[in-house]
N, C-alpha and C. Protein backbone atom coordinates (compact mmCIF):
# COMPACT_ATOMS: atom_id res chain seq x y z
N MET A 1 -1.50 -9.18 0.17
CA MET A 1 -2.94 -9.21 0.25
C MET A 1 -3.47 -7.85 -0.21
N ALA A 2 -4.43 -7.83 -1.07
CA ALA A 2 -5.04 -6.58 -1.51
C ALA A 2 -6.55 -6.76 -1.62
N ALA A 3 -7.28 -5.74 -1.24
CA ALA A 3 -8.74 -5.75 -1.37
C ALA A 3 -9.13 -4.50 -2.15
N THR A 4 -9.97 -4.66 -3.14
CA THR A 4 -10.37 -3.52 -3.96
C THR A 4 -11.89 -3.43 -4.08
N PRO A 5 -12.57 -2.89 -3.06
CA PRO A 5 -14.03 -2.82 -3.13
C PRO A 5 -14.53 -1.87 -4.22
N ASN A 6 -14.24 -0.57 -4.12
CA ASN A 6 -14.68 0.39 -5.13
C ASN A 6 -13.58 1.37 -5.47
N GLY A 7 -12.39 1.05 -5.13
CA GLY A 7 -11.26 1.93 -5.38
C GLY A 7 -9.99 1.11 -5.38
N THR A 8 -8.93 1.72 -4.93
CA THR A 8 -7.65 1.03 -4.86
C THR A 8 -7.23 0.95 -3.41
N THR A 9 -6.93 -0.24 -2.95
CA THR A 9 -6.50 -0.47 -1.58
C THR A 9 -5.27 -1.36 -1.61
N SER A 10 -4.30 -1.03 -0.79
CA SER A 10 -3.10 -1.85 -0.68
C SER A 10 -2.83 -2.10 0.79
N ILE A 11 -2.61 -3.35 1.13
CA ILE A 11 -2.29 -3.73 2.50
C ILE A 11 -0.99 -4.52 2.46
N TRP A 12 -0.01 -4.06 3.20
CA TRP A 12 1.29 -4.71 3.24
C TRP A 12 1.62 -4.96 4.69
N ILE A 13 1.81 -6.22 5.08
CA ILE A 13 2.05 -6.59 6.47
C ILE A 13 3.34 -7.40 6.56
N ALA A 14 4.21 -6.97 7.48
CA ALA A 14 5.45 -7.69 7.74
C ALA A 14 5.56 -7.91 9.25
N PRO A 15 4.92 -8.96 9.77
CA PRO A 15 4.91 -9.16 11.22
C PRO A 15 6.30 -9.33 11.83
N GLU A 16 7.23 -9.87 11.07
CA GLU A 16 8.58 -10.08 11.61
C GLU A 16 9.29 -8.76 11.90
N THR A 17 8.83 -7.67 11.29
CA THR A 17 9.44 -6.36 11.54
C THR A 17 8.49 -5.45 12.32
N ASN A 18 7.32 -5.97 12.71
CA ASN A 18 6.33 -5.18 13.43
C ASN A 18 5.93 -3.93 12.65
N PHE A 19 5.68 -4.12 11.35
CA PHE A 19 5.37 -3.00 10.46
C PHE A 19 4.25 -3.38 9.51
N ALA A 20 3.34 -2.44 9.29
CA ALA A 20 2.26 -2.66 8.32
C ALA A 20 1.89 -1.32 7.69
N VAL A 21 1.40 -1.39 6.45
CA VAL A 21 0.93 -0.21 5.73
C VAL A 21 -0.43 -0.53 5.15
N VAL A 22 -1.36 0.39 5.33
CA VAL A 22 -2.66 0.30 4.66
C VAL A 22 -2.86 1.63 3.94
N ALA A 23 -3.05 1.57 2.63
CA ALA A 23 -3.27 2.78 1.83
C ALA A 23 -4.46 2.53 0.92
N CYS A 24 -5.33 3.53 0.80
CA CYS A 24 -6.49 3.35 -0.06
C CYS A 24 -6.93 4.68 -0.65
N THR A 25 -7.70 4.59 -1.71
CA THR A 25 -8.25 5.76 -2.36
C THR A 25 -9.65 5.41 -2.88
N ASN A 26 -10.46 6.40 -3.11
CA ASN A 26 -11.80 6.18 -3.66
C ASN A 26 -11.77 6.04 -5.18
N TYR A 27 -10.63 6.23 -5.77
CA TYR A 27 -10.50 6.13 -7.22
C TYR A 27 -9.94 4.78 -7.60
N GLY A 28 -10.41 4.23 -8.70
CA GLY A 28 -9.89 2.98 -9.20
C GLY A 28 -9.07 3.22 -10.45
N GLY A 29 -8.69 2.16 -11.09
CA GLY A 29 -7.96 2.27 -12.34
C GLY A 29 -6.45 2.23 -12.16
N THR A 30 -5.78 2.21 -13.28
CA THR A 30 -4.33 2.06 -13.30
C THR A 30 -3.63 3.23 -12.62
N GLY A 31 -4.08 4.45 -12.86
CA GLY A 31 -3.44 5.62 -12.25
C GLY A 31 -3.50 5.58 -10.73
N ALA A 32 -4.67 5.24 -10.19
CA ALA A 32 -4.83 5.15 -8.74
C ALA A 32 -3.98 4.02 -8.18
N PHE A 33 -3.97 2.89 -8.84
CA PHE A 33 -3.15 1.76 -8.39
C PHE A 33 -1.68 2.16 -8.34
N ASN A 34 -1.20 2.79 -9.40
CA ASN A 34 0.21 3.19 -9.46
C ASN A 34 0.56 4.20 -8.37
N ALA A 35 -0.35 5.13 -8.09
CA ALA A 35 -0.11 6.12 -7.05
C ALA A 35 -0.05 5.48 -5.66
N VAL A 36 -1.01 4.61 -5.37
CA VAL A 36 -1.02 3.93 -4.08
C VAL A 36 0.20 3.03 -3.96
N ASP A 37 0.55 2.34 -5.01
CA ASP A 37 1.72 1.47 -5.01
C ASP A 37 2.99 2.27 -4.73
N ALA A 38 3.11 3.45 -5.31
CA ALA A 38 4.28 4.29 -5.10
C ALA A 38 4.37 4.76 -3.65
N VAL A 39 3.24 5.14 -3.07
CA VAL A 39 3.22 5.58 -1.67
C VAL A 39 3.61 4.43 -0.74
N VAL A 40 3.01 3.27 -0.95
CA VAL A 40 3.33 2.12 -0.11
C VAL A 40 4.80 1.74 -0.27
N GLY A 41 5.29 1.75 -1.48
CA GLY A 41 6.70 1.43 -1.72
C GLY A 41 7.63 2.38 -0.99
N ARG A 42 7.31 3.66 -1.01
CA ARG A 42 8.14 4.66 -0.33
C ARG A 42 8.09 4.48 1.19
N LEU A 43 6.91 4.19 1.73
CA LEU A 43 6.80 3.95 3.17
C LEU A 43 7.59 2.73 3.60
N ILE A 44 7.56 1.69 2.78
CA ILE A 44 8.34 0.48 3.07
C ILE A 44 9.83 0.82 3.07
N GLN A 45 10.29 1.55 2.06
CA GLN A 45 11.70 1.93 1.98
C GLN A 45 12.12 2.77 3.18
N ASP A 46 11.29 3.74 3.55
CA ASP A 46 11.66 4.67 4.61
C ASP A 46 11.55 4.09 6.02
N PHE A 47 10.62 3.16 6.24
CA PHE A 47 10.35 2.73 7.61
C PHE A 47 10.50 1.24 7.88
N ALA A 48 10.46 0.39 6.88
CA ALA A 48 10.48 -1.05 7.15
C ALA A 48 11.80 -1.72 6.82
N LEU A 49 12.54 -1.16 5.89
CA LEU A 49 13.80 -1.79 5.50
C LEU A 49 14.93 -1.31 6.39
N PRO A 50 15.88 -2.21 6.66
CA PRO A 50 17.01 -1.82 7.52
C PRO A 50 17.90 -0.78 6.87
């Protein structure tokens, strides 16, 4: 699920692991999306995966 009002927002929810990430920025565009995606990906790797 993702919502992008005026920037880049990423919401990742995994209820089976009791873990969620919400990351957002006021900037839009490909660069902002890639940066937020990288942060969310790293958080998932570090804290959600076994």
